[in-house]
PDB file of all heavy atoms in Angstrom:
ATOM      1  N   VAL A   1      17.834 -21.986   0.760  1.00  0.00           N
ATOM      2  CA  VAL A   1      17.348 -21.155  -0.357  1.00  0.00           C
ATOM      3  C   VAL A   1      18.492 -20.791  -1.284  1.00  0.00           C
ATOM      4  O   VAL A   1      18.368 -20.877  -2.520  1.00  0.00           O
ATOM      5  CB  VAL A   1      16.664 -19.882   0.177  1.00  0.00           C
ATOM      6  CG1 VAL A   1      16.374 -18.921  -0.964  1.00  0.00           C
ATOM      7  CG2 VAL A   1      15.380 -20.247   0.909  1.00  0.00           C
ATOM      8  N   ARG A   2      19.626 -20.403  -0.721  1.00  0.00           N
ATOM      9  CA  ARG A   2      20.767 -20.009  -1.547  1.00  0.00           C
ATOM     10  C   ARG A   2      21.236 -21.180  -2.415  1.00  0.00           C
ATOM     11  O   ARG A   2      21.492 -21.010  -3.617  1.00  0.00           O
ATOM     12  CB  ARG A   2      21.917 -19.508  -0.673  1.00  0.00           C
ATOM     13  CG  ARG A   2      23.157 -19.133  -1.490  1.00  0.00           C
ATOM     14  CD  ARG A   2      24.249 -18.497  -0.649  1.00  0.00           C
ATOM     15  NE  ARG A   2      25.439 -18.233  -1.435  1.00  0.00           N
ATOM     16  CZ  ARG A   2      25.594 -17.201  -2.249  1.00  0.00           C
ATOM     17  NH1 ARG A   2      24.611 -16.326  -2.388  1.00  0.00           N
ATOM     18  NH2 ARG A   2      26.704 -17.036  -2.930  1.00  0.00           N
ATOM     19  N   LEU A   3      21.354 -22.366  -1.824  1.00  0.00           N
ATOM     20  CA  LEU A   3      21.804 -23.520  -2.587  1.00  0.00           C
ATOM     21  C   LEU A   3      20.774 -23.933  -3.635  1.00  0.00           C
ATOM     22  O   LEU A   3      21.124 -24.422  -4.719  1.00  0.00           O
ATOM     23  CB  LEU A   3      22.098 -24.684  -1.636  1.00  0.00           C
ATOM     24  CG  LEU A   3      23.302 -24.473  -0.704  1.00  0.00           C
ATOM     25  CD1 LEU A   3      23.445 -25.637   0.270  1.00  0.00           C
ATOM     26  CD2 LEU A   3      24.584 -24.276  -1.503  1.00  0.00           C
ATOM     27  N   THR A   4      19.496 -23.722  -3.339  1.00  0.00           N
ATOM     28  CA  THR A   4      18.452 -23.983  -4.334  1.00  0.00           C
ATOM     29  C   THR A   4      18.594 -23.037  -5.518  1.00  0.00           C
ATOM     30  O   THR A   4      18.481 -23.454  -6.685  1.00  0.00           O
ATOM     31  CB  THR A   4      17.060 -23.823  -3.696  1.00  0.00           C
ATOM     32  OG1 THR A   4      16.911 -24.784  -2.647  1.00  0.00           O
ATOM     33  CG2 THR A   4      15.961 -24.029  -4.731  1.00  0.00           C
ATOM     34  N   LEU A   5      18.865 -21.763  -5.245  1.00  0.00           N
ATOM     35  CA  LEU A   5      19.041 -20.784  -6.315  1.00  0.00           C
ATOM     36  C   LEU A   5      20.283 -21.091  -7.151  1.00  0.00           C
ATOM     37  O   LEU A   5      20.262 -20.967  -8.385  1.00  0.00           O
ATOM     38  CB  LEU A   5      19.136 -19.371  -5.733  1.00  0.00           C
ATOM     39  CG  LEU A   5      17.852 -18.821  -5.116  1.00  0.00           C
ATOM     40  CD1 LEU A   5      18.125 -17.489  -4.424  1.00  0.00           C
ATOM     41  CD2 LEU A   5      16.774 -18.665  -6.169  1.00  0.00           C
ATOM     42  N   VAL A   6      21.366 -21.492  -6.498  1.00  0.00           N
ATOM     43  CA  VAL A   6      22.584 -21.878  -7.223  1.00  0.00           C
ATOM     44  C   VAL A   6      22.300 -23.076  -8.134  1.00  0.00           C
ATOM     45  O   VAL A   6      22.720 -23.109  -9.306  1.00  0.00           O
ATOM     46  CB  VAL A   6      23.721 -22.202  -6.238  1.00  0.00           C
ATOM     47  CG1 VAL A   6      24.908 -22.835  -6.972  1.00  0.00           C
ATOM     48  CG2 VAL A   6      24.181 -20.948  -5.511  1.00  0.00           C
ATOM     49  N   SER A   7      21.574 -24.059  -7.615  1.00  0.00           N
ATOM     50  CA  SER A   7      21.222 -25.243  -8.408  1.00  0.00           C
ATOM     51  C   SER A   7      20.350 -24.866  -9.599  1.00  0.00           C
ATOM     52  O   SER A   7      20.526 -25.388 -10.711  1.00  0.00           O
ATOM     53  CB  SER A   7      20.487 -26.261  -7.524  1.00  0.00           C
ATOM     54  OG  SER A   7      21.266 -26.624  -6.408  1.00  0.00           O
ATOM     55  N   THR A   8      19.414 -23.938  -9.374  1.00  0.00           N
ATOM     56  CA  THR A   8      18.516 -23.494 -10.443  1.00  0.00           C
ATOM     57  C   THR A   8      19.277 -22.731 -11.520  1.00  0.00           C
ATOM     58  O   THR A   8      19.089 -22.963 -12.719  1.00  0.00           O
ATOM     59  CB  THR A   8      17.397 -22.613  -9.860  1.00  0.00           C
ATOM     60  OG1 THR A   8      16.662 -23.361  -8.888  1.00  0.00           O
ATOM     61  CG2 THR A   8      16.452 -22.136 -10.951  1.00  0.00           C
ATOM     62  N   ALA A   9      20.160 -21.828 -11.089  1.00  0.00           N
ATOM     63  CA  ALA A   9      20.920 -21.028 -12.052  1.00  0.00           C
ATOM     64  C   ALA A   9      21.812 -21.896 -12.920  1.00  0.00           C
ATOM     65  O   ALA A   9      22.075 -21.568 -14.090  1.00  0.00           O
ATOM     66  CB  ALA A   9      21.754 -19.994 -11.312  1.00  0.00           C
ATOM     67  N   ASN A  10      22.271 -23.024 -12.380  1.00  0.00           N
ATOM     68  CA  ASN A  10      23.181 -23.905 -13.114  1.00  0.00           C
ATOM     69  C   ASN A  10      22.478 -25.109 -13.734  1.00  0.00           C
ATOM     70  O   ASN A  10      23.139 -26.028 -14.224  1.00  0.00           O
ATOM     71  CB  ASN A  10      24.300 -24.376 -12.187  1.00  0.00           C
ATOM     72  CG  ASN A  10      25.287 -23.268 -11.855  1.00  0.00           C
ATOM     73  OD1 ASN A  10      26.189 -22.975 -12.639  1.00  0.00           O
ATOM     74  ND2 ASN A  10      25.119 -22.634 -10.703  1.00  0.00           N
ATOM     75  N   ASP A  11      21.146 -25.103 -13.724  1.00  0.00           N
ATOM     76  CA  ASP A  11      20.346 -26.149 -14.372  1.00  0.00           C
ATOM     77  C   ASP A  11      20.722 -27.561 -13.919  1.00  0.00           C
ATOM     78  O   ASP A  11      20.797 -28.491 -14.734  1.00  0.00           O
ATOM     79  CB  ASP A  11      20.463 -26.046 -15.897  1.00  0.00           C
ATOM     80  CG  ASP A  11      19.732 -24.846 -16.460  1.00  0.00           C
ATOM     81  OD1 ASP A  11      18.699 -24.469 -15.886  1.00  0.00           O
ATOM     82  OD2 ASP A  11      20.205 -24.268 -17.461  1.00  0.00           O
ATOM     83  N   LEU A  12      20.964 -27.731 -12.626  1.00  0.00           N
ATOM     84  CA  LEU A  12      21.230 -29.072 -12.112  1.00  0.00           C
ATOM     85  C   LEU A  12      19.954 -29.900 -12.165  1.00  0.00           C
ATOM     86  O   LEU A  12      18.901 -29.444 -11.753  1.00  0.00           O
ATOM     87  CB  LEU A  12      21.738 -29.007 -10.677  1.00  0.00           C
ATOM     88  CG  LEU A  12      23.046 -28.257 -10.426  1.00  0.00           C
ATOM     89  CD1 LEU A  12      23.459 -28.407  -8.965  1.00  0.00           C
ATOM     90  CD2 LEU A  12      24.153 -28.750 -11.345  1.00  0.00           C
ATOM     91  N   LYS A  13      20.050 -31.094 -12.687  1.00  0.00           N
ATOM     92  CA  LYS A  13      18.865 -31.944 -12.772  1.00  0.00           C
ATOM     93  C   LYS A  13      18.383 -32.358 -11.386  1.00  0.00           C
ATOM     94  O   LYS A  13      17.188 -32.488 -11.143  1.00  0.00           O
ATOM     95  CB  LYS A  13      19.158 -33.170 -13.642  1.00  0.00           C
ATOM     96  CG  LYS A  13      19.363 -32.853 -15.115  1.00  0.00           C
ATOM     97  CD  LYS A  13      19.641 -34.119 -15.913  1.00  0.00           C
ATOM     98  CE  LYS A  13      19.705 -33.820 -17.404  1.00  0.00           C
ATOM     99  NZ  LYS A  13      20.817 -32.913 -17.736  1.00  0.00           N
ATOM    100  N   GLU A  14      19.341 -32.584 -10.457  1.00  0.00           N
ATOM    101  CA  GLU A  14      18.972 -32.982  -9.111  1.00  0.00           C
ATOM    102  C   GLU A  14      20.035 -32.483  -8.140  1.00  0.00           C
ATOM    103  O   GLU A  14      21.228 -32.584  -8.411  1.00  0.00           O
ATOM    104  CB  GLU A  14      18.840 -34.499  -9.006  1.00  0.00           C
ATOM    105  CG  GLU A  14      18.394 -34.999  -7.629  1.00  0.00           C
ATOM    106  CD  GLU A  14      18.023 -36.469  -7.643  1.00  0.00           C
ATOM    107  OE1 GLU A  14      17.102 -36.849  -8.410  1.00  0.00           O
ATOM    108  OE2 GLU A  14      18.661 -37.256  -6.920  1.00  0.00           O
ATOM    109  N   ALA A  15      19.591 -31.941  -7.019  1.00  0.00           N
ATOM    110  CA  ALA A  15      20.522 -31.437  -6.003  1.00  0.00           C
ATOM    111  C   ALA A  15      20.103 -31.941  -4.639  1.00  0.00           C
ATOM    112  O   ALA A  15      18.946 -31.776  -4.249  1.00  0.00           O
ATOM    113  CB  ALA A  15      20.557 -29.911  -6.023  1.00  0.00           C
ATOM    114  N   TRP A  16      21.047 -32.549  -3.928  1.00  0.00           N
ATOM    115  CA  TRP A  16      20.814 -32.952  -2.537  1.00  0.00           C
ATOM    116  C   TRP A  16      21.347 -31.842  -1.658  1.00  0.00           C
ATOM    117  O   TRP A  16      22.547 -31.544  -1.663  1.00  0.00           O
ATOM    118  CB  TRP A  16      21.543 -34.257  -2.216  1.00  0.00           C
ATOM    119  CG  TRP A  16      21.164 -35.420  -3.086  1.00  0.00           C
ATOM    120  CD1 TRP A  16      20.135 -35.495  -3.975  1.00  0.00           C
ATOM    121  CD2 TRP A  16      21.843 -36.678  -3.151  1.00  0.00           C
ATOM    122  NE1 TRP A  16      20.106 -36.714  -4.592  1.00  0.00           N
ATOM    123  CE2 TRP A  16      21.154 -37.473  -4.110  1.00  0.00           C
ATOM    124  CE3 TRP A  16      22.942 -37.215  -2.505  1.00  0.00           C
ATOM    125  CZ2 TRP A  16      21.545 -38.770  -4.424  1.00  0.00           C
ATOM    126  CZ3 TRP A  16      23.341 -38.511  -2.814  1.00  0.00           C
ATOM    127  CH2 TRP A  16      22.645 -39.271  -3.755  1.00  0.00           C
ATOM    128  N   ILE A  17      20.486 -31.216  -0.901  1.00  0.00           N
ATOM    129  CA  ILE A  17      20.876 -30.077  -0.065  1.00  0.00           C
ATOM    130  C   ILE A  17      20.690 -30.465   1.390  1.00  0.00           C
ATOM    131  O   ILE A  17      19.575 -30.475   1.914  1.00  0.00           O
ATOM    132  CB  ILE A  17      20.037 -28.831  -0.420  1.00  0.00           C
ATOM    133  CG1 ILE A  17      20.282 -28.439  -1.877  1.00  0.00           C
ATOM    134  CG2 ILE A  17      20.367 -27.674   0.510  1.00  0.00           C
ATOM    135  CD1 ILE A  17      19.444 -27.278  -2.368  1.00  0.00           C
ATOM    136  N   SER A  18      21.785 -30.810   2.031  1.00  0.00           N
ATOM    137  CA  SER A  18      21.688 -31.296   3.397  1.00  0.00           C
ATOM    138  C   SER A  18      23.045 -31.229   4.070  1.00  0.00           C
ATOM    139  O   SER A  18      24.086 -31.260   3.423  1.00  0.00           O
ATOM    140  CB  SER A  18      21.184 -32.744   3.404  1.00  0.00           C
ATOM    141  OG  SER A  18      21.038 -33.228   4.715  1.00  0.00           O
ATOM    142  N   ASP A  19      23.022 -31.129   5.383  1.00  0.00           N
ATOM    143  CA  ASP A  19      24.237 -31.254   6.177  1.00  0.00           C
ATOM    144  C   ASP A  19      24.474 -32.723   6.512  1.00  0.00           C
ATOM    145  O   ASP A  19      23.576 -33.560   6.399  1.00  0.00           O
ATOM    146  CB  ASP A  19      24.105 -30.455   7.482  1.00  0.00           C
ATOM    147  CG  ASP A  19      24.020 -28.948   7.243  1.00  0.00           C
ATOM    148  OD1 ASP A  19      24.702 -28.463   6.328  1.00  0.00           O
ATOM    149  OD2 ASP A  19      23.273 -28.267   7.979  1.00  0.00           O
ATOM    150  N   HIS A  20      25.692 -33.030   6.930  1.00  0.00           N
ATOM    151  CA  HIS A  20      25.975 -34.358   7.461  1.00  0.00           C
ATOM    152  C   HIS A  20      25.398 -34.456   8.883  1.00  0.00           C
ATOM    153  O   HIS A  20      25.296 -33.453   9.579  1.00  0.00           O
ATOM    154  CB  HIS A  20      27.481 -34.599   7.484  1.00  0.00           C
ATOM    155  CG  HIS A  20      28.082 -34.794   6.127  1.00  0.00           C
ATOM    156  ND1 HIS A  20      27.685 -35.778   5.255  1.00  0.00           N
ATOM    157  CD2 HIS A  20      29.069 -34.112   5.477  1.00  0.00           C
ATOM    158  CE1 HIS A  20      28.382 -35.701   4.137  1.00  0.00           C
ATOM    159  NE2 HIS A  20      29.234 -34.692   4.249  1.00  0.00           N
ATOM    160  N   PRO A  21      24.953 -35.638   9.319  1.00  0.00           N
ATOM    161  CA  PRO A  21      25.162 -36.934   8.668  1.00  0.00           C
ATOM    162  C   PRO A  21      24.089 -37.301   7.650  1.00  0.00           C
ATOM    163  O   PRO A  21      24.169 -38.353   7.023  1.00  0.00           O
ATOM    164  CB  PRO A  21      25.115 -37.902   9.846  1.00  0.00           C
ATOM    165  CG  PRO A  21      24.100 -37.273  10.767  1.00  0.00           C
ATOM    166  CD  PRO A  21      24.344 -35.785  10.668  1.00  0.00           C
ATOM    167  N   TYR A  22      23.083 -36.437   7.469  1.00  0.00           N
ATOM    168  CA  TYR A  22      21.976 -36.781   6.574  1.00  0.00           C
ATOM    169  C   TYR A  22      22.444 -36.939   5.127  1.00  0.00           C
ATOM    170  O   TYR A  22      21.981 -37.823   4.408  1.00  0.00           O
ATOM    171  CB  TYR A  22      20.881 -35.709   6.664  1.00  0.00           C
ATOM    172  CG  TYR A  22      20.461 -35.406   8.073  1.00  0.00           C
ATOM    173  CD1 TYR A  22      20.913 -34.276   8.737  1.00  0.00           C
ATOM    174  CD2 TYR A  22      19.627 -36.280   8.768  1.00  0.00           C
ATOM    175  CE1 TYR A  22      20.544 -34.004  10.047  1.00  0.00           C
ATOM    176  CE2 TYR A  22      19.248 -36.022  10.076  1.00  0.00           C
ATOM    177  CZ  TYR A  22      19.713 -34.876  10.711  1.00  0.00           C
ATOM    178  OH  TYR A  22      19.355 -34.627  12.004  1.00  0.00           O
ATOM    179  N   LEU A  23      23.377 -36.087   4.705  1.00  0.00           N
ATOM    180  CA  LEU A  23      23.882 -36.184   3.340  1.00  0.00           C
ATOM    181  C   LEU A  23      24.632 -37.493   3.128  1.00  0.00           C
ATOM    182  O   LEU A  23      24.504 -38.131   2.075  1.00  0.00           O
ATOM    183  CB  LEU A  23      24.792 -34.992   3.038  1.00  0.00           C
ATOM    184  CG  LEU A  23      25.292 -34.875   1.594  1.00  0.00           C
ATOM    185  CD1 LEU A  23      24.128 -34.761   0.625  1.00  0.00           C
ATOM    186  CD2 LEU A  23      26.220 -33.672   1.446  1.00  0.00           C
ATOM    187  N   ALA A  24      25.400 -37.916   4.130  1.00  0.00           N
ATOM    188  CA  ALA A  24      26.123 -39.188   4.025  1.00  0.00           C
ATOM    189  C   ALA A  24      25.153 -40.358   3.871  1.00  0.00           C
ATOM    190  O   ALA A  24      25.417 -41.309   3.123  1.00  0.00           O
ATOM    191  CB  ALA A  24      27.007 -39.386   5.254  1.00  0.00           C
ATOM    192  N   VAL A  25      24.009 -40.272   4.559  1.00  0.00           N
ATOM    193  CA  VAL A  25      23.009 -41.336   4.456  1.00  0.00           C
ATOM    194  C   VAL A  25      22.440 -41.397   3.035  1.00  0.00           C
ATOM    195  O   VAL A  25      22.164 -42.480   2.501  1.00  0.00           O
ATOM    196  CB  VAL A  25      21.887 -41.131   5.488  1.00  0.00           C
ATOM    197  CG1 VAL A  25      20.779 -42.161   5.295  1.00  0.00           C
ATOM    198  CG2 VAL A  25      22.445 -41.227   6.902  1.00  0.00           C
ATOM    199  N   CYS A  26      22.290 -40.236   2.394  1.00  0.00           N
ATOM    200  CA  CYS A  26      21.826 -40.208   0.995  1.00  0.00           C
ATOM    201  C   CYS A  26      22.767 -41.005   0.104  1.00  0.00           C
ATOM    202  O   CYS A  26      22.326 -41.771  -0.766  1.00  0.00           O
ATOM    203  CB  CYS A  26      21.733 -38.778   0.488  1.00  0.00           C
ATOM    204  SG  CYS A  26      20.465 -37.772   1.260  1.00  0.00           S
ATOM    205  N   TYR A  27      24.068 -40.806   0.296  1.00  0.00           N
ATOM    206  CA  TYR A  27      25.050 -41.531  -0.512  1.00  0.00           C
ATOM    207  C   TYR A  27      25.001 -43.025  -0.222  1.00  0.00           C
ATOM    208  O   TYR A  27      25.182 -43.850  -1.125  1.00  0.00           O
ATOM    209  CB  TYR A  27      26.446 -40.965  -0.269  1.00  0.00           C
ATOM    210  CG  TYR A  27      26.701 -39.686  -1.026  1.00  0.00           C
ATOM    211  CD1 TYR A  27      26.475 -38.445  -0.442  1.00  0.00           C
ATOM    212  CD2 TYR A  27      27.143 -39.719  -2.352  1.00  0.00           C
ATOM    213  CE1 TYR A  27      26.683 -37.268  -1.143  1.00  0.00           C
ATOM    214  CE2 TYR A  27      27.361 -38.547  -3.060  1.00  0.00           C
ATOM    215  CZ  TYR A  27      27.128 -37.325  -2.449  1.00  0.00           C
ATOM    216  OH  TYR A  27      27.333 -36.163  -3.152  1.00  0.00           O
ATOM    217  N   LEU A  28      24.758 -43.385   1.040  1.00  0.00           N
ATOM    218  CA  LEU A  28      24.610 -44.800   1.362  1.00  0.00           C
ATOM    219  C   LEU A  28      23.427 -45.412   0.627  1.00  0.00           C
ATOM    220  O   LEU A  28      23.519 -46.504   0.070  1.00  0.00           O
ATOM    221  CB  LEU A  28      24.431 -44.978   2.872  1.00  0.00           C
ATOM    222  CG  LEU A  28      25.683 -45.037   3.745  1.00  0.00           C
ATOM    223  CD1 LEU A  28      25.298 -45.214   5.200  1.00  0.00           C
ATOM    224  CD2 LEU A  28      26.612 -46.168   3.306  1.00  0.00           C
ATOM    225  N   TRP A  29      22.288 -44.717   0.635  1.00  0.00           N
ATOM    226  CA  TRP A  29      21.104 -45.228  -0.063  1.00  0.00           C
ATOM    227  C   TRP A  29      21.367 -45.378  -1.556  1.00  0.00           C
ATOM    228  O   TRP A  29      20.840 -46.286  -2.200  1.00  0.00           O
ATOM    229  CB  TRP A  29      19.913 -44.295   0.159  1.00  0.00           C
ATOM    230  CG  TRP A  29      19.165 -44.581   1.418  1.00  0.00           C
ATOM    231  CD1 TRP A  29      19.403 -44.067   2.659  1.00  0.00           C
ATOM    232  CD2 TRP A  29      18.059 -45.477   1.569  1.00  0.00           C
ATOM    233  NE1 TRP A  29      18.514 -44.576   3.568  1.00  0.00           N
ATOM    234  CE2 TRP A  29      17.674 -45.441   2.936  1.00  0.00           C
ATOM    235  CE3 TRP A  29      17.352 -46.292   0.696  1.00  0.00           C
ATOM    236  CZ2 TRP A  29      16.619 -46.198   3.435  1.00  0.00           C
ATOM    237  CZ3 TRP A  29      16.294 -47.046   1.199  1.00  0.00           C
ATOM    238  CH2 TRP A  29      15.932 -47.001   2.554  1.00  0.00           C
ATOM    239  N   GLN A  30      22.192 -44.497  -2.115  1.00  0.00           N
ATOM    240  CA  GLN A  30      22.465 -44.526  -3.544  1.00  0.00           C
ATOM    241  C   GLN A  30      23.451 -45.627  -3.914  1.00  0.00           C
ATOM    242  O   GLN A  30      23.271 -46.325  -4.912  1.00  0.00           O
ATOM    243  CB  GLN A  30      23.031 -43.168  -3.988  1.00  0.00           C
ATOM    244  CG  GLN A  30      23.184 -43.000  -5.494  1.00  0.00           C
ATOM    245  CD  GLN A  30      21.867 -42.690  -6.177  1.00  0.00           C
ATOM    246  OE1 GLN A  30      20.876 -42.398  -5.524  1.00  0.00           O
ATOM    247  NE2 GLN A  30      21.843 -42.762  -7.488  1.00  0.00           N
ATOM    248  N   TYR A  31      24.508 -45.774  -3.114  1.00  0.00           N
ATOM    249  CA  TYR A  31      25.622 -46.635  -3.510  1.00  0.00           C
ATOM    250  C   TYR A  31      25.796 -47.884  -2.655  1.00  0.00           C
ATOM    251  O   TYR A  31      26.470 -48.832  -3.089  1.00  0.00           O
ATOM    252  CB  TYR A  31      26.934 -45.833  -3.485  1.00  0.00           C
ATOM    253  CG  TYR A  31      26.926 -44.666  -4.438  1.00  0.00           C
ATOM    254  CD1 TYR A  31      26.888 -43.354  -3.962  1.00  0.00           C
ATOM    255  CD2 TYR A  31      26.932 -44.861  -5.819  1.00  0.00           C
ATOM    256  CE1 TYR A  31      26.870 -42.272  -4.836  1.00  0.00           C
ATOM    257  CE2 TYR A  31      26.913 -43.792  -6.698  1.00  0.00           C
ATOM    258  CZ  TYR A  31      26.881 -42.497  -6.204  1.00  0.00           C
ATOM    259  OH  TYR A  31      26.844 -41.437  -7.071  1.00  0.00           O
ATOM    260  N   ALA A  32      25.230 -47.908  -1.458  1.00  0.00           N
ATOM    261  CA  ALA A  32      25.357 -49.074  -0.581  1.00  0.00           C
ATOM    262  C   ALA A  32      24.038 -49.304   0.146  1.00  0.00           C
ATOM    263  O   ALA A  32      23.949 -49.152   1.369  1.00  0.00           O
ATOM    264  CB  ALA A  32      26.501 -48.882   0.412  1.00  0.00           C
ATOM    265  N   PRO A  33      22.981 -49.647  -0.593  1.00  0.00           N
ATOM    266  CA  PRO A  33      21.650 -49.714   0.013  1.00  0.00           C
ATOM    267  C   PRO A  33      21.530 -50.733   1.146  1.00  0.00           C
ATOM    268  O   PRO A  33      20.751 -50.518   2.077  1.00  0.00           O
ATOM    269  CB  PRO A  33      20.741 -50.081  -1.171  1.00  0.00           C
ATOM    270  CG  PRO A  33      21.659 -50.645  -2.215  1.00  0.00           C
ATOM    271  CD  PRO A  33      22.954 -49.943  -2.041  1.00  0.00           C
ATOM    272  N   THR A  34      22.269 -51.830   1.080  1.00  0.00           N
ATOM    273  CA  THR A  34      22.190 -52.813   2.158  1.00  0.00           C
ATOM    274  C   THR A  34      22.645 -52.199   3.487  1.00  0.00           C
ATOM    275  O   THR A  34      22.015 -52.398   4.528  1.00  0.00           O
ATOM    276  CB  THR A  34      23.044 -54.045   1.841  1.00  0.00           C
ATOM    277  OG1 THR A  34      22.573 -54.637   0.626  1.00  0.00           O
ATOM    278  CG2 THR A  34      22.953 -55.076   2.966  1.00  0.00           C
ATOM    279  N   TRP A  35      23.740 -51.442   3.450  1.00  0.00           N
ATOM    280  CA  TRP A  35      24.204 -50.735   4.640  1.00  0.00           C
ATOM    281  C   TRP A  35      23.184 -49.678   5.068  1.00  0.00           C
ATOM    282  O   TRP A  35      22.955 -49.463   6.262  1.00  0.00           O
ATOM    283  CB  TRP A  35      25.555 -50.066   4.382  1.00  0.00           C
ATOM    284  CG  TRP A  35      26.705 -51.015   4.434  1.00  0.00           C
ATOM    285  CD1 TRP A  35      27.395 -51.557   3.382  1.00  0.00           C
ATOM    286  CD2 TRP A  35      27.299 -51.566   5.607  1.00  0.00           C
ATOM    287  NE1 TRP A  35      28.378 -52.397   3.821  1.00  0.00           N
ATOM    288  CE2 TRP A  35      28.349 -52.427   5.190  1.00  0.00           C
ATOM    289  CE3 TRP A  35      27.055 -51.419   6.971  1.00  0.00           C
ATOM    290  CZ2 TRP A  35      29.146 -53.126   6.081  1.00  0.00           C
ATOM    291  CZ3 TRP A  35      27.850 -52.121   7.877  1.00  0.00           C
ATOM    292  CH2 TRP A  35      28.875 -52.956   7.439  1.00  0.00           C
ATOM    293  N   ALA A  36      22.566 -49.023   4.096  1.00  0.00           N
ATOM    294  CA  ALA A  36      21.578 -47.985   4.412  1.00  0.00           C
ATOM    295  C   ALA A  36      20.375 -48.581   5.121  1.00  0.00           C
ATOM    296  O   ALA A  36      19.860 -47.998   6.089  1.00  0.00           O
ATOM    297  CB  ALA A  36      21.140 -47.276   3.131  1.00  0.00           C
ATOM    298  N   TRP A  37      19.915 -49.744   4.656  1.00  0.00           N
ATOM    299  CA  TRP A  37      18.777 -50.390   5.319  1.00  0.00           C
ATOM    300  C   TRP A  37      19.136 -50.768   6.751  1.00  0.00           C
ATOM    301  O   TRP A  37      18.325 -50.619   7.667  1.00  0.00           O
ATOM    302  CB  TRP A  37      18.349 -51.637   4.539  1.00  0.00           C
ATOM    303  CG  TRP A  37      17.779 -51.315   3.195  1.00  0.00           C
ATOM    304  CD1 TRP A  37      17.045 -50.209   2.845  1.00  0.00           C
ATOM    305  CD2 TRP A  37      17.905 -52.104   2.016  1.00  0.00           C
ATOM    306  NE1 TRP A  37      16.709 -50.263   1.521  1.00  0.00           N
ATOM    307  CE2 TRP A  37      17.221 -51.417   0.967  1.00  0.00           C
ATOM    308  CE3 TRP A  37      18.523 -53.309   1.696  1.00  0.00           C
ATOM    309  CZ2 TRP A  37      17.133 -51.899  -0.328  1.00  0.00           C
ATOM    310  CZ3 TRP A  37      18.436 -53.794   0.410  1.00  0.00           C
ATOM    311  CH2 TRP A  37      17.752 -53.100  -0.588  1.00  0.00           C
ATOM    312  N   TRP A  38      20.339 -51.307   6.946  1.00  0.00           N
ATOM    313  CA  TRP A  38      20.784 -51.685   8.290  1.00  0.00           C
ATOM    314  C   TRP A  38      20.823 -50.464   9.203  1.00  0.00           C
ATOM    315  O   TRP A  38      20.327 -50.508  10.332  1.00  0.00           O
ATOM    316  CB  TRP A  38      22.174 -52.322   8.201  1.00  0.00           C
ATOM    317  CG  TRP A  38      22.775 -52.644   9.545  1.00  0.00           C
ATOM    318  CD1 TRP A  38      22.547 -53.754  10.310  1.00  0.00           C
ATOM    319  CD2 TRP A  38      23.698 -51.830  10.285  1.00  0.00           C
ATOM    320  NE1 TRP A  38      23.274 -53.681  11.488  1.00  0.00           N
ATOM    321  CE2 TRP A  38      23.986 -52.513  11.503  1.00  0.00           C
ATOM    322  CE3 TRP A  38      24.309 -50.599  10.045  1.00  0.00           C
ATOM    323  CZ2 TRP A  38      24.857 -52.000  12.457  1.00  0.00           C
ATOM    324  CZ3 TRP A  38      25.178 -50.079  11.004  1.00  0.00           C
ATOM    325  CH2 TRP A  38      25.440 -50.779  12.188  1.00  0.00           C
ATOM    326  N   LEU A  39      21.397 -49.364   8.692  1.00  0.00           N
ATOM    327  CA  LEU A  39      21.509 -48.152   9.493  1.00  0.00           C
ATOM    328  C   LEU A  39      20.141 -47.560   9.794  1.00  0.00           C
ATOM    329  O   LEU A  39      19.864 -47.145  10.934  1.00  0.00           O
ATOM    330  CB  LEU A  39      22.381 -47.130   8.769  1.00  0.00           C
ATOM    331  CG  LEU A  39      22.586 -45.779   9.469  1.00  0.00           C
ATOM    332  CD1 LEU A  39      23.299 -45.982  10.797  1.00  0.00           C
ATOM    333  CD2 LEU A  39      23.377 -44.823   8.572  1.00  0.00           C
ATOM    334  N   MET A  40      19.263 -47.519   8.790  1.00  0.00           N
ATOM    335  CA  MET A  40      17.945 -46.932   8.984  1.00  0.00           C
ATOM    336  C   MET A  40      17.108 -47.750   9.960  1.00  0.00           C
ATOM    337  O   MET A  40      16.308 -47.198  10.721  1.00  0.00           O
ATOM    338  CB  MET A  40      17.225 -46.788   7.648  1.00  0.00           C
ATOM    339  CG  MET A  40      15.964 -45.942   7.722  1.00  0.00           C
ATOM    340  SD  MET A  40      16.254 -44.249   8.332  1.00  0.00           S
ATOM    341  CE  MET A  40      17.131 -43.534   6.935  1.00  0.00           C
ATOM    342  N   ASN A  41      17.296 -49.067   9.957  1.00  0.00           N
ATOM    343  CA  ASN A  41      16.586 -49.901  10.925  1.00  0.00           C
ATOM    344  C   ASN A  41      16.993 -49.557  12.348  1.00  0.00           C
ATOM    345  O   ASN A  41      16.155 -49.494  13.263  1.00  0.00           O
ATOM    346  CB  ASN A  41      16.859 -51.382  10.654  1.00  0.00           C
ATOM    347  CG  ASN A  41      16.088 -51.903   9.453  1.00  0.00           C
ATOM    348  OD1 ASN A  41      15.112 -51.290   9.026  1.00  0.00           O
ATOM    349  ND2 ASN A  41      16.522 -53.034   8.915  1.00  0.00           N
ATOM    350  N   ARG A  42      18.284 -49.324  12.558  1.00  0.00           N
ATOM    351  CA  ARG A  42      18.766 -48.973  13.891  1.00  0.00           C
ATOM    352  C   ARG A  42      18.293 -47.567  14.295  1.00  0.00           C
ATOM    353  O   ARG A  42      17.811 -47.353  15.408  1.00  0.00           O
ATOM    354  CB  ARG A  42      20.297 -49.043  13.934  1.00  0.00           C
ATOM    355  CG  ARG A  42      20.845 -50.457  13.836  1.00  0.00           C
ATOM    356  CD  ARG A  42      22.365 -50.462  13.836  1.00  0.00           C
ATOM    357  NE  ARG A  42      22.896 -49.972  15.090  1.00  0.00           N
ATOM    358  CZ  ARG A  42      23.135 -50.716  16.150  1.00  0.00           C
ATOM    359  NH1 ARG A  42      22.871 -52.016  16.126  1.00  0.00           N
ATOM    360  NH2 ARG A  42      23.637 -50.199  17.263  1.00  0.00           N
TER     361      ARG A  42
END
């Protein structure tokens, strides 16, 4: 909730709010999708 409010107050178009390792997986899907598909399959 706090991070959502911070994102709202600063007009962020998009905010990923997560702890690792889930946040790291988001970056994989964004920048290295082939690795993300391999990891998600496992």
